[in-house]
């Protein structure tokens, strides 16, 4: 699982059937110090996240399995949870 921050929304009027009813959000991947780690990605949201939320997400075929419309779909990034608190030791 990966850490990210929701930085926007993705709006699509036309989409494949397996995406019907799914909210798409733009997520900035983060490292363990909450610094940018790569380019933003579009992810479907099953955790009811919102803009500015710190989230954990999955990518690849595992993400597709989180789609409530069925696991056989081309989606490759899913927001699985909103982070309430992040505890870490800082060296």
PDB file of N, CA and C in Angstrom:
ATOM      1  N   UNK A   1       0.832  -1.170   0.000  1.00  0.00           N
ATOM      2  CA  UNK A   1       0.000   0.000   0.000  1.00  0.00           C
ATOM      3  C   UNK A   1       0.878   1.235   0.000  1.00  0.00           C
ATOM      4  N   UNK A   2       0.297   2.305  -0.501  1.00  0.00           N
ATOM      5  CA  UNK A   2       1.058   3.525  -0.686  1.00  0.00           C
ATOM      6  C   UNK A   2       0.350   4.705  -0.028  1.00  0.00           C
ATOM      7  N   UNK A   3       1.121   5.736   0.275  1.00  0.00           N
ATOM      8  CA  UNK A   3       0.601   6.934   0.913  1.00  0.00           C
ATOM      9  C   UNK A   3       0.472   8.042  -0.124  1.00  0.00           C
ATOM     10  N   UNK A   4      -0.613   8.824  -0.044  1.00  0.00           N
ATOM     11  CA  UNK A   4      -0.807   9.920  -0.978  1.00  0.00           C
ATOM     12  C   UNK A   4      -1.714  10.983  -0.401  1.00  0.00           C
ATOM     13  N   UNK A   5      -1.816  12.104  -1.119  1.00  0.00           N
ATOM     14  CA  UNK A   5      -2.712  13.179  -0.713  1.00  0.00           C
ATOM     15  C   UNK A   5      -3.610  13.508  -1.905  1.00  0.00           C
ATOM     16  N   UNK A   6      -4.908  13.638  -1.631  1.00  0.00           N
ATOM     17  CA  UNK A   6      -5.864  13.987  -2.679  1.00  0.00           C
ATOM     18  C   UNK A   6      -5.679  15.465  -3.014  1.00  0.00           C
ATOM     19  N   UNK A   7      -5.405  15.740  -4.295  1.00  0.00           N
ATOM     20  CA  UNK A   7      -5.149  17.120  -4.717  1.00  0.00           C
ATOM     21  C   UNK A   7      -6.186  17.628  -5.712  1.00  0.00           C
ATOM     22  N   UNK A   8      -7.154  16.804  -6.075  1.00  0.00           N
ATOM     23  CA  UNK A   8      -8.167  17.258  -7.018  1.00  0.00           C
ATOM     24  C   UNK A   8      -9.115  16.139  -7.407  1.00  0.00           C
ATOM     25  N   UNK A   9     -10.011  16.481  -8.323  1.00  0.00           N
ATOM     26  CA  UNK A   9     -11.002  15.526  -8.814  1.00  0.00           C
ATOM     27  C   UNK A   9     -10.801  15.303 -10.292  1.00  0.00           C
ATOM     28  N   UNK A  10     -11.220  14.155 -10.782  1.00  0.00           N
ATOM     29  CA  UNK A  10     -11.204  13.838 -12.203  1.00  0.00           C
ATOM     30  C   UNK A  10     -12.654  13.611 -12.607  1.00  0.00           C
ATOM     31  N   UNK A  11     -13.124  14.365 -13.599  1.00  0.00           N
ATOM     32  CA  UNK A  11     -14.512  14.262 -14.033  1.00  0.00           C
ATOM     33  C   UNK A  11     -14.541  13.690 -15.449  1.00  0.00           C
ATOM     34  N   UNK A  12     -15.290  12.599 -15.628  1.00  0.00           N
ATOM     35  CA  UNK A  12     -15.432  11.947 -16.929  1.00  0.00           C
ATOM     36  C   UNK A  12     -16.913  11.700 -17.191  1.00  0.00           C
ATOM     37  N   UNK A  13     -17.434  12.297 -18.258  1.00  0.00           N
ATOM     38  CA  UNK A  13     -18.829  12.053 -18.597  1.00  0.00           C
ATOM     39  C   UNK A  13     -19.005  10.711 -19.290  1.00  0.00           C
ATOM     40  N   UNK A  14     -18.046  10.322 -20.072  1.00  0.00           N
ATOM     41  CA  UNK A  14     -18.113   9.042 -20.771  1.00  0.00           C
ATOM     42  C   UNK A  14     -17.063   8.114 -20.181  1.00  0.00           C
ATOM     43  N   UNK A  15     -17.506   6.927 -19.791  1.00  0.00           N
ATOM     44  CA  UNK A  15     -16.583   5.962 -19.203  1.00  0.00           C
ATOM     45  C   UNK A  15     -17.121   4.559 -19.401  1.00  0.00           C
ATOM     46  N   UNK A  16     -16.274   3.577 -19.159  1.00  0.00           N
ATOM     47  CA  UNK A  16     -16.707   2.198 -19.322  1.00  0.00           C
ATOM     48  C   UNK A  16     -17.662   1.809 -18.196  1.00  0.00           C
ATOM     49  N   UNK A  17     -18.429   0.780 -18.446  1.00  0.00           N
ATOM     50  CA  UNK A  17     -19.476   0.363 -17.515  1.00  0.00           C
ATOM     51  C   UNK A  17     -18.954   0.063 -16.114  1.00  0.00           C
ATOM     52  N   UNK A  18     -17.788  -0.541 -16.003  1.00  0.00           N
ATOM     53  CA  UNK A  18     -17.269  -0.904 -14.677  1.00  0.00           C
ATOM     54  C   UNK A  18     -16.888   0.306 -13.832  1.00  0.00           C
ATOM     55  N   UNK A  19     -16.891   1.507 -14.431  1.00  0.00           N
ATOM     56  CA  UNK A  19     -16.572   2.729 -13.689  1.00  0.00           C
ATOM     57  C   UNK A  19     -17.820   3.496 -13.269  1.00  0.00           C
ATOM     58  N   UNK A  20     -18.996   3.030 -13.651  1.00  0.00           N
ATOM     59  CA  UNK A  20     -20.230   3.737 -13.309  1.00  0.00           C
ATOM     60  C   UNK A  20     -20.378   3.880 -11.794  1.00  0.00           C
ATOM     61  N   UNK A  21     -20.666   5.084 -11.358  1.00  0.00           N
ATOM     62  CA  UNK A  21     -20.892   5.345  -9.946  1.00  0.00           C
ATOM     63  C   UNK A  21     -19.633   5.533  -9.123  1.00  0.00           C
ATOM     64  N   UNK A  22     -18.461   5.408  -9.732  1.00  0.00           N
ATOM     65  CA  UNK A  22     -17.209   5.569  -8.993  1.00  0.00           C
ATOM     66  C   UNK A  22     -16.730   7.021  -9.045  1.00  0.00           C
ATOM     67  N   UNK A  23     -16.252   7.520  -7.923  1.00  0.00           N
ATOM     68  CA  UNK A  23     -15.657   8.850  -7.854  1.00  0.00           C
ATOM     69  C   UNK A  23     -14.169   8.704  -8.168  1.00  0.00           C
ATOM     70  N   UNK A  24     -13.670   9.556  -9.052  1.00  0.00           N
ATOM     71  CA  UNK A  24     -12.252   9.552  -9.401  1.00  0.00           C
ATOM     72  C   UNK A  24     -11.582  10.770  -8.787  1.00  0.00           C
ATOM     73  N   UNK A  25     -10.457  10.548  -8.138  1.00  0.00           N
ATOM     74  CA  UNK A  25      -9.712  11.623  -7.504  1.00  0.00           C
ATOM     75  C   UNK A  25      -8.276  11.643  -8.005  1.00  0.00           C
ATOM     76  N   UNK A  26      -7.672  12.815  -7.973  1.00  0.00           N
ATOM     77  CA  UNK A  26      -6.273  12.977  -8.338  1.00  0.00           C
ATOM     78  C   UNK A  26      -5.449  12.886  -7.064  1.00  0.00           C
ATOM     79  N   UNK A  27      -4.493  11.975  -7.044  1.00  0.00           N
ATOM     80  CA  UNK A  27      -3.703  11.693  -5.840  1.00  0.00           C
ATOM     81  C   UNK A  27      -2.223  11.962  -6.111  1.00  0.00           C
ATOM     82  N   UNK A  28      -1.617  12.734  -5.213  1.00  0.00           N
ATOM     83  CA  UNK A  28      -0.170  12.960  -5.257  1.00  0.00           C
ATOM     84  C   UNK A  28       0.499  11.908  -4.383  1.00  0.00           C
ATOM     85  N   UNK A  29       1.269  10.992  -4.981  1.00  0.00           N
ATOM     86  CA  UNK A  29       1.992  10.010  -4.161  1.00  0.00           C
ATOM     87  C   UNK A  29       2.979  10.713  -3.223  1.00  0.00           C
ATOM     88  N   UNK A  30       3.132  10.159  -2.009  1.00  0.00           N
ATOM     89  CA  UNK A  30       4.023  10.727  -0.997  1.00  0.00           C
ATOM     90  C   UNK A  30       4.981   9.669  -0.474  1.00  0.00           C
ATOM     91  N   UNK A  31       6.136  10.119   0.015  1.00  0.00           N
ATOM     92  CA  UNK A  31       7.055   9.203   0.676  1.00  0.00           C
ATOM     93  C   UNK A  31       6.712   9.139   2.163  1.00  0.00           C
ATOM     94  N   UNK A  32       7.542   8.462   2.949  1.00  0.00           N
ATOM     95  CA  UNK A  32       7.234   8.295   4.374  1.00  0.00           C
ATOM     96  C   UNK A  32       7.366   9.585   5.185  1.00  0.00           C
ATOM     97  N   UNK A  33       7.882  10.625   4.578  1.00  0.00           N
ATOM     98  CA  UNK A  33       7.967  11.941   5.239  1.00  0.00           C
ATOM     99  C   UNK A  33       6.918  12.915   4.679  1.00  0.00           C
ATOM    100  N   UNK A  34       5.973  12.359   3.929  1.00  0.00           N
ATOM    101  CA  UNK A  34       4.886  13.122   3.319  1.00  0.00           C
ATOM    102  C   UNK A  34       5.383  14.142   2.298  1.00  0.00           C
ATOM    103  N   UNK A  35       6.490  13.826   1.632  1.00  0.00           N
ATOM    104  CA  UNK A  35       7.021  14.652   0.549  1.00  0.00           C
ATOM    105  C   UNK A  35       6.604  14.027  -0.785  1.00  0.00           C
ATOM    106  N   UNK A  36       6.443  14.864  -1.823  1.00  0.00           N
ATOM    107  CA  UNK A  36       6.042  14.364  -3.137  1.00  0.00           C
ATOM    108  C   UNK A  36       6.978  13.260  -3.596  1.00  0.00           C
ATOM    109  N   UNK A  37       6.382  12.207  -4.136  1.00  0.00           N
ATOM    110  CA  UNK A  37       7.161  11.056  -4.614  1.00  0.00           C
ATOM    111  C   UNK A  37       6.594  10.599  -5.953  1.00  0.00           C
ATOM    112  N   UNK A  38       6.847  11.358  -6.988  1.00  0.00           N
ATOM    113  CA  UNK A  38       6.349  10.994  -8.306  1.00  0.00           C
ATOM    114  C   UNK A  38       5.252  11.931  -8.780  1.00  0.00           C
ATOM    115  N   UNK A  39       4.680  11.560  -9.918  1.00  0.00           N
ATOM    116  CA  UNK A  39       3.645  12.376 -10.543  1.00  0.00           C
ATOM    117  C   UNK A  39       2.267  11.984 -10.016  1.00  0.00           C
ATOM    118  N   UNK A  40       1.320  12.917 -10.009  1.00  0.00           N
ATOM    119  CA  UNK A  40      -0.035  12.588  -9.561  1.00  0.00           C
ATOM    120  C   UNK A  40      -0.680  11.506 -10.429  1.00  0.00           C
ATOM    121  N   UNK A  41      -1.570  10.738  -9.808  1.00  0.00           N
ATOM    122  CA  UNK A  41      -2.279   9.671 -10.507  1.00  0.00           C
ATOM    123  C   UNK A  41      -3.782   9.823 -10.270  1.00  0.00           C
ATOM    124  N   UNK A  42      -4.563   9.262 -11.174  1.00  0.00           N
ATOM    125  CA  UNK A  42      -6.015   9.211 -10.986  1.00  0.00           C
ATOM    126  C   UNK A  42      -6.338   7.884 -10.312  1.00  0.00           C
ATOM    127  N   UNK A  43      -7.182   7.932  -9.292  1.00  0.00           N
ATOM    128  CA  UNK A  43      -7.556   6.722  -8.557  1.00  0.00           C
ATOM    129  C   UNK A  43      -9.047   6.752  -8.257  1.00  0.00           C
ATOM    130  N   UNK A  44      -9.691   5.587  -8.331  1.00  0.00           N
ATOM    131  CA  UNK A  44     -11.086   5.552  -7.919  1.00  0.00           C
ATOM    132  C   UNK A  44     -11.134   5.404  -6.409  1.00  0.00           C
ATOM    133  N   UNK A  45     -12.214   5.926  -5.825  1.00  0.00           N
ATOM    134  CA  UNK A  45     -12.294   6.077  -4.374  1.00  0.00           C
ATOM    135  C   UNK A  45     -13.392   5.201  -3.790  1.00  0.00           C
ATOM    136  N   UNK A  46     -13.012   4.283  -2.917  1.00  0.00           N
ATOM    137  CA  UNK A  46     -13.998   3.473  -2.195  1.00  0.00           C
ATOM    138  C   UNK A  46     -14.018   3.840  -0.707  1.00  0.00           C
ATOM    139  N   UNK A  47     -13.248   4.865  -0.327  1.00  0.00           N
ATOM    140  CA  UNK A  47     -13.122   5.240   1.082  1.00  0.00           C
ATOM    141  C   UNK A  47     -13.785   6.580   1.415  1.00  0.00           C
ATOM    142  N   UNK A  48     -14.431   7.179   0.432  1.00  0.00           N
ATOM    143  CA  UNK A  48     -15.087   8.481   0.633  1.00  0.00           C
ATOM    144  C   UNK A  48     -14.102   9.574   1.033  1.00  0.00           C
ATOM    145  N   UNK A  49     -12.980   9.614   0.349  1.00  0.00           N
ATOM    146  CA  UNK A  49     -11.964  10.635   0.600  1.00  0.00           C
ATOM    147  C   UNK A  49     -12.385  11.952  -0.042  1.00  0.00           C
ATOM    148  N   UNK A  50     -11.730  13.014   0.368  1.00  0.00           N
ATOM    149  CA  UNK A  50     -12.000  14.328  -0.199  1.00  0.00           C
ATOM    150  C   UNK A  50     -10.708  15.077  -0.437  1.00  0.00           C
ATOM    151  N   UNK A  51     -10.821  16.199  -1.113  1.00  0.00           N
ATOM    152  CA  UNK A  51      -9.646  16.989  -1.435  1.00  0.00           C
ATOM    153  C   UNK A  51      -8.898  17.392  -0.166  1.00  0.00           C
ATOM    154  N   UNK A  52      -7.583  17.192  -0.168  1.00  0.00           N
ATOM    155  CA  UNK A  52      -6.728  17.511   0.966  1.00  0.00           C
ATOM    156  C   UNK A  52      -6.494  16.338   1.903  1.00  0.00           C
ATOM    157  N   UNK A  53      -7.283  15.272   1.775  1.00  0.00           N
ATOM    158  CA  UNK A  53      -7.132  14.114   2.667  1.00  0.00           C
ATOM    159  C   UNK A  53      -5.840  13.353   2.403  1.00  0.00           C
ATOM    160  N   UNK A  54      -5.237  12.880   3.485  1.00  0.00           N
ATOM    161  CA  UNK A  54      -4.123  11.957   3.416  1.00  0.00           C
ATOM    162  C   UNK A  54      -4.740  10.564   3.284  1.00  0.00           C
ATOM    163  N   UNK A  55      -4.340   9.815   2.266  1.00  0.00           N
ATOM    164  CA  UNK A  55      -4.970   8.524   1.983  1.00  0.00           C
ATOM    165  C   UNK A  55      -3.928   7.441   1.789  1.00  0.00           C
ATOM    166  N   UNK A  56      -4.382   6.190   1.924  1.00  0.00           N
ATOM    167  CA  UNK A  56      -3.553   5.080   1.490  1.00  0.00           C
ATOM    168  C   UNK A  56      -4.265   4.451   0.318  1.00  0.00           C
ATOM    169  N   UNK A  57      -3.461   4.063  -0.682  1.00  0.00           N
ATOM    170  CA  UNK A  57      -4.020   3.541  -1.914  1.00  0.00           C
ATOM    171  C   UNK A  57      -3.197   2.358  -2.387  1.00  0.00           C
ATOM    172  N   UNK A  58      -3.765   1.645  -3.316  1.00  0.00           N
ATOM    173  CA  UNK A  58      -3.079   0.505  -3.920  1.00  0.00           C
ATOM    174  C   UNK A  58      -3.102   0.707  -5.425  1.00  0.00           C
ATOM    175  N   UNK A  59      -2.112   0.155  -6.090  1.00  0.00           N
ATOM    176  CA  UNK A  59      -2.063   0.241  -7.545  1.00  0.00           C
ATOM    177  C   UNK A  59      -1.863  -1.154  -8.125  1.00  0.00           C
ATOM    178  N   UNK A  60      -2.019  -1.249  -9.410  1.00  0.00           N
ATOM    179  CA  UNK A  60      -1.867  -2.531 -10.088  1.00  0.00           C
ATOM    180  C   UNK A  60      -3.129  -3.376 -10.013  1.00  0.00           C
ATOM    181  N   UNK A  61      -2.988  -4.656 -10.290  1.00  0.00           N
ATOM    182  CA  UNK A  61      -4.164  -5.527 -10.357  1.00  0.00           C
ATOM    183  C   UNK A  61      -4.892  -5.630  -9.023  1.00  0.00           C
ATOM    184  N   UNK A  62      -4.194  -5.411  -7.917  1.00  0.00           N
ATOM    185  CA  UNK A  62      -4.839  -5.442  -6.606  1.00  0.00           C
ATOM    186  C   UNK A  62      -5.869  -4.334  -6.479  1.00  0.00           C
ATOM    187  N   UNK A  63      -5.594  -3.171  -7.072  1.00  0.00           N
ATOM    188  CA  UNK A  63      -6.531  -2.051  -7.018  1.00  0.00           C
ATOM    189  C   UNK A  63      -7.834  -2.403  -7.720  1.00  0.00           C
ATOM    190  N   UNK A  64      -7.753  -3.070  -8.836  1.00  0.00           N
ATOM    191  CA  UNK A  64      -8.958  -3.435  -9.594  1.00  0.00           C
ATOM    192  C   UNK A  64      -9.900  -4.295  -8.764  1.00  0.00           C
ATOM    193  N   UNK A  65      -9.368  -5.084  -7.854  1.00  0.00           N
ATOM    194  CA  UNK A  65     -10.192  -5.957  -7.032  1.00  0.00           C
ATOM    195  C   UNK A  65     -11.053  -5.185  -6.036  1.00  0.00           C
ATOM    196  N   UNK A  66     -10.743  -3.930  -5.776  1.00  0.00           N
ATOM    197  CA  UNK A  66     -11.522  -3.122  -4.835  1.00  0.00           C
ATOM    198  C   UNK A  66     -12.761  -2.500  -5.490  1.00  0.00           C
ATOM    199  N   UNK A  67     -12.892  -2.631  -6.801  1.00  0.00           N
ATOM    200  CA  UNK A  67     -14.033  -2.040  -7.498  1.00  0.00           C
ATOM    201  C   UNK A  67     -15.316  -2.775  -7.120  1.00  0.00           C
ATOM    202  N   UNK A  68     -16.286  -2.079  -6.537  1.00  0.00           N
ATOM    203  CA  UNK A  68     -17.540  -2.741  -6.158  1.00  0.00           C
ATOM    204  C   UNK A  68     -18.356  -3.212  -7.356  1.00  0.00           C
ATOM    205  N   UNK A  69     -18.001  -2.765  -8.563  1.00  0.00           N
ATOM    206  CA  UNK A  69     -18.710  -3.175  -9.774  1.00  0.00           C
ATOM    207  C   UNK A  69     -18.141  -4.453 -10.380  1.00  0.00           C
ATOM    208  N   UNK A  70     -17.176  -5.053  -9.720  1.00  0.00           N
ATOM    209  CA  UNK A  70     -16.559  -6.285 -10.225  1.00  0.00           C
ATOM    210  C   UNK A  70     -15.071  -6.130 -10.398  1.00  0.00           C
ATOM    211  N   UNK A  71     -14.345  -7.192 -10.182  1.00  0.00           N
ATOM    212  CA  UNK A  71     -12.879  -7.110 -10.188  1.00  0.00           C
ATOM    213  C   UNK A  71     -12.278  -7.125 -11.590  1.00  0.00           C
ATOM    214  N   UNK A  72     -13.020  -7.545 -12.597  1.00  0.00           N
ATOM    215  CA  UNK A  72     -12.460  -7.614 -13.952  1.00  0.00           C
ATOM    216  C   UNK A  72     -12.664  -6.271 -14.636  1.00  0.00           C
ATOM    217  N   UNK A  73     -11.691  -5.382 -14.488  1.00  0.00           N
ATOM    218  CA  UNK A  73     -11.767  -4.039 -15.052  1.00  0.00           C
ATOM    219  C   UNK A  73     -10.357  -3.497 -15.253  1.00  0.00           C
ATOM    220  N   UNK A  74     -10.202  -2.442 -16.047  1.00  0.00           N
ATOM    221  CA  UNK A  74      -8.863  -1.914 -16.329  1.00  0.00           C
ATOM    222  C   UNK A  74      -8.348  -0.892 -15.325  1.00  0.00           C
ATOM    223  N   UNK A  75      -9.029  -0.689 -14.208  1.00  0.00           N
ATOM    224  CA  UNK A  75      -8.616   0.318 -13.232  1.00  0.00           C
ATOM    225  C   UNK A  75      -7.383  -0.150 -12.469  1.00  0.00           C
ATOM    226  N   UNK A  76      -6.406   0.741 -12.299  1.00  0.00           N
ATOM    227  CA  UNK A  76      -5.165   0.304 -11.650  1.00  0.00           C
ATOM    228  C   UNK A  76      -4.718   1.163 -10.479  1.00  0.00           C
ATOM    229  N   UNK A  77      -5.633   1.960  -9.913  1.00  0.00           N
ATOM    230  CA  UNK A  77      -5.318   2.695  -8.681  1.00  0.00           C
ATOM    231  C   UNK A  77      -6.611   2.905  -7.903  1.00  0.00           C
ATOM    232  N   UNK A  78      -6.595   2.525  -6.624  1.00  0.00           N
ATOM    233  CA  UNK A  78      -7.781   2.630  -5.777  1.00  0.00           C
ATOM    234  C   UNK A  78      -7.424   3.223  -4.428  1.00  0.00           C
ATOM    235  N   UNK A  79      -8.195   4.225  -3.994  1.00  0.00           N
ATOM    236  CA  UNK A  79      -8.048   4.768  -2.643  1.00  0.00           C
ATOM    237  C   UNK A  79      -8.811   3.836  -1.713  1.00  0.00           C
ATOM    238  N   UNK A  80      -8.097   3.248  -0.757  1.00  0.00           N
ATOM    239  CA  UNK A  80      -8.680   2.238   0.120  1.00  0.00           C
ATOM    240  C   UNK A  80      -8.951   2.746   1.522  1.00  0.00           C
ATOM    241  N   UNK A  81      -8.362   3.862   1.907  1.00  0.00           N
ATOM    242  CA  UNK A  81      -8.592   4.373   3.252  1.00  0.00           C
ATOM    243  C   UNK A  81      -8.133   5.811   3.406  1.00  0.00           C
ATOM    244  N   UNK A  82      -8.765   6.506   4.343  1.00  0.00           N
ATOM    245  CA  UNK A  82      -8.360   7.864   4.715  1.00  0.00           C
ATOM    246  C   UNK A  82      -7.553   7.743   6.004  1.00  0.00           C
ATOM    247  N   UNK A  83      -6.368   8.322   6.021  1.00  0.00           N
ATOM    248  CA  UNK A  83      -5.464   8.219   7.163  1.00  0.00           C
ATOM    249  C   UNK A  83      -5.897   9.207   8.244  1.00  0.00           C
ATOM    250  N   UNK A  84      -6.197   8.692   9.426  1.00  0.00           N
ATOM    251  CA  UNK A  84      -6.566   9.543  10.556  1.00  0.00           C
ATOM    252  C   UNK A  84      -5.330  10.073  11.274  1.00  0.00           C
ATOM    253  N   UNK A  85      -4.328   9.222  11.377  1.00  0.00           N
ATOM    254  CA  UNK A  85      -3.120   9.598  12.108  1.00  0.00           C
ATOM    255  C   UNK A  85      -1.959   8.814  11.532  1.00  0.00           C
ATOM    256  N   UNK A  86      -0.805   9.460  11.463  1.00  0.00           N
ATOM    257  CA  UNK A  86       0.394   8.820  10.950  1.00  0.00           C
ATOM    258  C   UNK A  86       1.477   8.929  12.030  1.00  0.00           C
ATOM    259  N   UNK A  87       1.906   7.803  12.577  1.00  0.00           N
ATOM    260  CA  UNK A  87       2.944   7.777  13.606  1.00  0.00           C
ATOM    261  C   UNK A  87       4.207   7.179  13.010  1.00  0.00           C
ATOM    262  N   UNK A  88       5.320   7.836  13.210  1.00  0.00           N
ATOM    263  CA  UNK A  88       6.597   7.341  12.702  1.00  0.00           C
ATOM    264  C   UNK A  88       7.728   7.903  13.549  1.00  0.00           C
ATOM    265  N   UNK A  89       8.807   7.160  13.557  1.00  0.00           N
ATOM    266  CA  UNK A  89      10.016   7.654  14.214  1.00  0.00           C
ATOM    267  C   UNK A  89      10.824   8.397  13.177  1.00  0.00           C
ATOM    268  N   UNK A  90      11.226   9.614  13.498  1.00  0.00           N
ATOM    269  CA  UNK A  90      12.022  10.415  12.589  1.00  0.00           C
ATOM    270  C   UNK A  90      13.473  10.343  13.028  1.00  0.00           C
ATOM    271  N   UNK A  91      14.332   9.767  12.162  1.00  0.00           N
ATOM    272  CA  UNK A  91      15.756   9.649  12.532  1.00  0.00           C
ATOM    273  C   UNK A  91      16.462  10.985  12.584  1.00  0.00           C
TER     274      UNK A  91
END
